[in-house]
């Protein structure tokens, strides 16, 4: 069993998955977030199936955060997947980590 190193917070946010710079799944939502990973769920049909995905996460403060994510595990439900964060642009990382920290403070 994989052990997660970061505390997670349940939060629902819209997500788009991109491949080759084009959206490929747009009906996605986060299930939970942490500093090192996130879980997403497809709201209709199956979710992304690749090992690596560029995910654009819509934070409430405006611009999306772009995350290069590596699939960590798949749930029994094909619509859900957990990802490790491999890369976030530095300006996006600050916003993402601030958002996660604020949500953890409310939990």
N, C-alpha and C. Protein backbone atom coordinates (compact mmCIF):
# COMPACT_ATOMS: atom_id res chain seq x y z
N UNK A 1 0.85 -1.18 0.00
CA UNK A 1 0.00 0.00 0.00
C UNK A 1 0.89 1.24 0.00
N UNK A 2 0.57 2.18 -0.84
CA UNK A 2 1.33 3.42 -0.91
C UNK A 2 0.93 4.33 0.24
N UNK A 3 1.94 4.92 0.88
CA UNK A 3 1.67 5.86 1.96
C UNK A 3 1.79 7.28 1.43
N UNK A 4 0.83 8.07 1.71
CA UNK A 4 0.86 9.47 1.27
C UNK A 4 1.62 10.29 2.29
N UNK A 5 2.48 11.18 1.79
CA UNK A 5 3.31 11.97 2.68
C UNK A 5 2.69 13.29 3.10
N UNK A 6 1.61 13.69 2.48
CA UNK A 6 1.01 14.99 2.76
C UNK A 6 -0.45 14.83 3.16
N UNK A 7 -0.85 15.68 4.08
CA UNK A 7 -2.26 15.68 4.49
C UNK A 7 -3.13 16.17 3.34
N UNK A 8 -4.27 15.51 3.14
CA UNK A 8 -5.17 15.87 2.05
C UNK A 8 -6.40 16.58 2.59
N UNK A 9 -6.97 17.40 1.72
CA UNK A 9 -8.20 18.09 2.06
C UNK A 9 -9.21 17.83 0.94
N UNK A 10 -10.45 17.53 1.34
CA UNK A 10 -11.51 17.30 0.36
C UNK A 10 -11.98 18.64 -0.17
N UNK A 11 -11.87 18.82 -1.47
CA UNK A 11 -12.32 20.06 -2.11
C UNK A 11 -12.65 19.74 -3.56
N UNK A 12 -13.73 20.34 -4.04
CA UNK A 12 -14.17 20.13 -5.43
C UNK A 12 -13.86 21.37 -6.24
N UNK A 13 -13.03 21.19 -7.29
CA UNK A 13 -12.68 22.28 -8.20
C UNK A 13 -12.69 21.74 -9.63
N UNK A 14 -13.07 22.56 -10.60
CA UNK A 14 -13.03 22.12 -12.00
C UNK A 14 -11.60 21.88 -12.48
N UNK A 15 -11.43 20.86 -13.32
CA UNK A 15 -10.13 20.49 -13.87
C UNK A 15 -10.29 20.20 -15.35
N UNK A 16 -9.27 20.58 -16.14
CA UNK A 16 -9.18 20.16 -17.53
C UNK A 16 -7.88 19.39 -17.70
N UNK A 17 -7.92 18.30 -18.43
CA UNK A 17 -6.71 17.54 -18.77
C UNK A 17 -6.33 17.91 -20.19
N UNK A 18 -5.02 18.11 -20.41
CA UNK A 18 -4.52 18.50 -21.73
C UNK A 18 -3.53 17.48 -22.25
N UNK A 19 -3.54 17.31 -23.56
CA UNK A 19 -2.53 16.51 -24.23
C UNK A 19 -2.18 17.25 -25.51
N UNK A 20 -0.90 17.45 -25.73
CA UNK A 20 -0.42 18.20 -26.89
C UNK A 20 -1.02 19.60 -26.95
N UNK A 21 -1.21 20.22 -25.77
CA UNK A 21 -1.71 21.58 -25.70
C UNK A 21 -3.19 21.75 -25.95
N UNK A 22 -3.93 20.64 -26.11
CA UNK A 22 -5.38 20.73 -26.35
C UNK A 22 -6.13 20.01 -25.24
N UNK A 23 -7.25 20.58 -24.80
CA UNK A 23 -8.05 19.89 -23.79
C UNK A 23 -8.56 18.56 -24.33
N UNK A 24 -8.43 17.51 -23.53
CA UNK A 24 -8.93 16.20 -23.94
C UNK A 24 -10.05 15.70 -23.03
N UNK A 25 -10.06 16.12 -21.79
CA UNK A 25 -11.17 15.81 -20.88
C UNK A 25 -11.49 17.09 -20.15
N UNK A 26 -12.71 17.56 -20.28
CA UNK A 26 -13.06 18.84 -19.67
C UNK A 26 -14.10 18.69 -18.58
N UNK A 27 -14.64 17.51 -18.41
CA UNK A 27 -15.69 17.30 -17.42
C UNK A 27 -15.10 16.58 -16.20
N UNK A 28 -14.04 17.19 -15.61
CA UNK A 28 -13.35 16.62 -14.46
C UNK A 28 -13.48 17.54 -13.26
N UNK A 29 -13.31 16.95 -12.09
CA UNK A 29 -13.37 17.72 -10.85
C UNK A 29 -12.40 17.09 -9.85
N UNK A 30 -11.76 17.91 -9.01
CA UNK A 30 -10.92 17.34 -7.97
C UNK A 30 -11.80 16.68 -6.91
N UNK A 31 -11.23 15.67 -6.27
CA UNK A 31 -11.87 15.01 -5.13
C UNK A 31 -11.17 15.47 -3.87
N UNK A 32 -9.83 15.46 -3.92
CA UNK A 32 -9.03 15.97 -2.81
C UNK A 32 -7.70 16.50 -3.32
N UNK A 33 -7.05 17.30 -2.47
CA UNK A 33 -5.78 17.94 -2.82
C UNK A 33 -4.82 17.80 -1.65
N UNK A 34 -3.52 17.80 -1.97
CA UNK A 34 -2.47 17.92 -0.96
C UNK A 34 -1.33 18.68 -1.61
N UNK A 35 -0.30 18.98 -0.83
CA UNK A 35 0.85 19.68 -1.39
C UNK A 35 1.55 18.84 -2.45
N UNK A 36 1.46 17.50 -2.35
CA UNK A 36 2.17 16.64 -3.27
C UNK A 36 1.33 15.86 -4.26
N UNK A 37 0.01 16.02 -4.22
CA UNK A 37 -0.82 15.24 -5.13
C UNK A 37 -2.27 15.67 -5.13
N UNK A 38 -3.05 15.00 -5.97
CA UNK A 38 -4.48 15.28 -6.05
C UNK A 38 -5.20 14.08 -6.63
N UNK A 39 -6.46 13.99 -6.35
CA UNK A 39 -7.33 12.98 -6.95
C UNK A 39 -8.38 13.69 -7.77
N UNK A 40 -8.68 13.12 -8.93
CA UNK A 40 -9.69 13.71 -9.80
C UNK A 40 -10.75 12.66 -10.13
N UNK A 41 -11.91 13.17 -10.50
CA UNK A 41 -13.02 12.31 -10.87
C UNK A 41 -13.67 12.86 -12.12
N UNK A 42 -13.95 11.97 -13.08
CA UNK A 42 -14.68 12.36 -14.28
C UNK A 42 -16.16 12.42 -13.92
N UNK A 43 -16.81 13.51 -14.28
CA UNK A 43 -18.23 13.68 -13.96
C UNK A 43 -19.12 12.94 -14.94
N UNK A 44 -18.58 12.59 -16.10
CA UNK A 44 -19.31 11.76 -17.06
C UNK A 44 -18.29 10.92 -17.82
N UNK A 45 -18.51 9.63 -17.86
CA UNK A 45 -17.60 8.73 -18.58
C UNK A 45 -16.34 8.44 -17.79
N UNK A 46 -15.35 7.87 -18.48
CA UNK A 46 -14.08 7.54 -17.86
C UNK A 46 -13.17 8.76 -17.85
N UNK A 47 -12.28 8.81 -16.89
CA UNK A 47 -11.34 9.92 -16.78
C UNK A 47 -10.10 9.69 -17.61
N UNK A 48 -9.09 10.56 -17.45
CA UNK A 48 -7.84 10.44 -18.19
C UNK A 48 -7.19 9.09 -17.94
N UNK A 49 -6.55 8.53 -18.97
CA UNK A 49 -5.98 7.19 -18.84
C UNK A 49 -4.47 7.17 -18.97
N UNK A 50 -3.83 8.29 -19.28
CA UNK A 50 -2.39 8.30 -19.48
C UNK A 50 -1.62 8.28 -18.18
N UNK A 51 -0.32 7.92 -18.26
CA UNK A 51 0.52 7.93 -17.06
C UNK A 51 0.80 9.36 -16.62
N UNK A 52 1.07 10.25 -17.58
CA UNK A 52 1.31 11.66 -17.28
C UNK A 52 0.22 12.49 -17.93
N UNK A 53 -0.23 13.51 -17.23
CA UNK A 53 -1.25 14.43 -17.76
C UNK A 53 -0.89 15.85 -17.34
N UNK A 54 -1.13 16.81 -18.22
CA UNK A 54 -1.12 18.21 -17.81
C UNK A 54 -2.54 18.51 -17.35
N UNK A 55 -2.67 18.90 -16.10
CA UNK A 55 -3.98 19.22 -15.54
C UNK A 55 -4.04 20.71 -15.26
N UNK A 56 -5.11 21.35 -15.68
CA UNK A 56 -5.36 22.77 -15.38
C UNK A 56 -6.45 22.81 -14.33
N UNK A 57 -6.06 23.27 -13.16
CA UNK A 57 -6.94 23.30 -11.99
C UNK A 57 -7.44 24.72 -11.81
N UNK A 58 -8.75 24.91 -11.78
CA UNK A 58 -9.32 26.25 -11.64
C UNK A 58 -9.48 26.61 -10.17
N UNK A 59 -8.56 27.44 -9.67
CA UNK A 59 -8.66 27.92 -8.29
C UNK A 59 -9.66 29.08 -8.23
N UNK A 60 -10.27 29.30 -7.08
CA UNK A 60 -11.26 30.37 -6.96
C UNK A 60 -10.71 31.77 -7.21
N UNK A 61 -9.38 31.96 -7.12
CA UNK A 61 -8.81 33.31 -7.27
C UNK A 61 -8.61 33.74 -8.72
N UNK A 62 -8.95 32.90 -9.69
CA UNK A 62 -8.83 33.34 -11.08
C UNK A 62 -8.17 32.35 -12.00
N UNK A 63 -6.95 32.68 -12.45
CA UNK A 63 -6.27 31.88 -13.47
C UNK A 63 -6.07 30.43 -13.04
N UNK A 64 -6.14 29.51 -13.99
CA UNK A 64 -5.89 28.10 -13.66
C UNK A 64 -4.44 27.85 -13.29
N UNK A 65 -4.21 26.84 -12.50
CA UNK A 65 -2.89 26.36 -12.15
C UNK A 65 -2.61 25.15 -13.04
N UNK A 66 -1.48 25.19 -13.75
CA UNK A 66 -1.11 24.06 -14.63
C UNK A 66 -0.16 23.14 -13.87
N UNK A 67 -0.52 21.85 -13.84
CA UNK A 67 0.22 20.84 -13.10
C UNK A 67 0.56 19.68 -14.02
N UNK A 68 1.83 19.29 -14.05
CA UNK A 68 2.20 18.04 -14.70
C UNK A 68 2.08 16.98 -13.63
N UNK A 69 1.18 16.03 -13.86
CA UNK A 69 0.85 15.03 -12.85
C UNK A 69 1.12 13.63 -13.37
N UNK A 70 1.62 12.77 -12.49
CA UNK A 70 1.86 11.37 -12.81
C UNK A 70 0.85 10.51 -12.07
N UNK A 71 0.19 9.64 -12.80
CA UNK A 71 -0.82 8.77 -12.19
C UNK A 71 -0.15 7.92 -11.11
N UNK A 72 -0.71 7.98 -9.92
CA UNK A 72 -0.18 7.21 -8.79
C UNK A 72 -0.96 5.92 -8.62
N UNK A 73 -2.25 6.00 -8.82
CA UNK A 73 -3.10 4.83 -8.64
C UNK A 73 -4.44 5.09 -9.29
N UNK A 74 -5.14 4.01 -9.58
CA UNK A 74 -6.50 4.12 -10.08
C UNK A 74 -7.42 3.45 -9.08
N UNK A 75 -8.56 4.04 -8.90
CA UNK A 75 -9.55 3.44 -8.02
C UNK A 75 -10.28 2.34 -8.79
N UNK A 76 -11.03 1.55 -8.06
CA UNK A 76 -11.84 0.51 -8.71
C UNK A 76 -12.81 1.16 -9.70
N UNK A 77 -13.20 2.38 -9.40
CA UNK A 77 -14.07 3.17 -10.26
C UNK A 77 -13.21 3.82 -11.34
N UNK A 78 -13.42 3.50 -12.61
CA UNK A 78 -12.60 4.02 -13.71
C UNK A 78 -12.69 5.53 -13.86
N UNK A 79 -13.66 6.15 -13.22
CA UNK A 79 -13.82 7.59 -13.33
C UNK A 79 -12.89 8.35 -12.39
N UNK A 80 -12.23 7.67 -11.45
CA UNK A 80 -11.34 8.33 -10.48
C UNK A 80 -9.89 7.94 -10.68
N UNK A 81 -9.00 8.88 -10.40
CA UNK A 81 -7.56 8.60 -10.45
C UNK A 81 -6.83 9.51 -9.48
N UNK A 82 -5.76 8.98 -8.87
CA UNK A 82 -4.91 9.77 -7.98
C UNK A 82 -3.61 10.08 -8.72
N UNK A 83 -3.08 11.28 -8.51
CA UNK A 83 -1.87 11.74 -9.19
C UNK A 83 -0.87 12.31 -8.21
N UNK A 84 0.42 12.09 -8.49
CA UNK A 84 1.52 12.78 -7.82
C UNK A 84 1.85 14.01 -8.65
N UNK A 85 2.13 15.11 -8.00
CA UNK A 85 2.53 16.31 -8.72
C UNK A 85 4.01 16.19 -9.08
N UNK A 86 4.30 16.25 -10.38
CA UNK A 86 5.67 16.18 -10.85
C UNK A 86 6.26 17.57 -11.08
N UNK A 87 5.44 18.51 -11.55
CA UNK A 87 5.93 19.86 -11.82
C UNK A 87 4.77 20.84 -11.82
N UNK A 88 5.03 22.00 -11.24
CA UNK A 88 4.11 23.15 -11.31
C UNK A 88 4.99 24.36 -11.59
N UNK A 89 4.59 25.20 -12.53
CA UNK A 89 5.32 26.43 -12.77
C UNK A 89 5.44 27.19 -11.45
N UNK A 90 6.60 27.84 -11.18
CA UNK A 90 6.83 28.47 -9.87
C UNK A 90 5.72 29.42 -9.41
N UNK A 91 5.21 30.27 -10.30
CA UNK A 91 4.14 31.20 -9.86
C UNK A 91 2.86 30.44 -9.51
N UNK A 92 2.61 29.36 -10.25
CA UNK A 92 1.43 28.54 -9.95
C UNK A 92 1.62 27.75 -8.67
N UNK A 93 2.85 27.28 -8.40
CA UNK A 93 3.12 26.51 -7.18
C UNK A 93 2.78 27.33 -5.93
N UNK A 94 3.19 28.59 -5.92
CA UNK A 94 2.89 29.45 -4.76
C UNK A 94 1.38 29.56 -4.55
N UNK A 95 0.65 29.78 -5.61
CA UNK A 95 -0.81 29.91 -5.49
C UNK A 95 -1.44 28.60 -5.04
N UNK A 96 -1.00 27.49 -5.64
CA UNK A 96 -1.55 26.18 -5.30
C UNK A 96 -1.28 25.85 -3.83
N UNK A 97 -0.02 26.00 -3.40
CA UNK A 97 0.32 25.67 -2.01
C UNK A 97 -0.40 26.58 -1.02
N UNK A 98 -0.56 27.84 -1.36
CA UNK A 98 -1.31 28.76 -0.48
C UNK A 98 -2.76 28.33 -0.37
N UNK A 99 -3.35 27.92 -1.48
CA UNK A 99 -4.74 27.48 -1.47
C UNK A 99 -4.89 26.21 -0.62
N UNK A 100 -4.01 25.23 -0.83
CA UNK A 100 -4.09 23.98 -0.06
C UNK A 100 -3.91 24.26 1.42
N UNK A 101 -2.92 25.10 1.77
CA UNK A 101 -2.69 25.44 3.19
C UNK A 101 -3.90 26.10 3.81
N UNK A 102 -4.53 27.01 3.08
CA UNK A 102 -5.72 27.70 3.59
C UNK A 102 -6.87 26.70 3.81
N UNK A 103 -7.02 25.76 2.88
CA UNK A 103 -8.08 24.76 3.03
C UNK A 103 -7.81 23.83 4.20
N UNK A 104 -6.56 23.44 4.40
CA UNK A 104 -6.20 22.59 5.54
C UNK A 104 -6.47 23.31 6.85
N UNK A 105 -6.25 24.62 6.87
CA UNK A 105 -6.52 25.41 8.07
C UNK A 105 -7.99 25.45 8.43
N UNK A 106 -8.84 25.27 7.43
CA UNK A 106 -10.30 25.29 7.66
C UNK A 106 -10.84 23.93 8.04
N UNK A 107 -10.08 22.87 7.70
CA UNK A 107 -10.57 21.50 7.92
C UNK A 107 -10.59 21.12 9.39
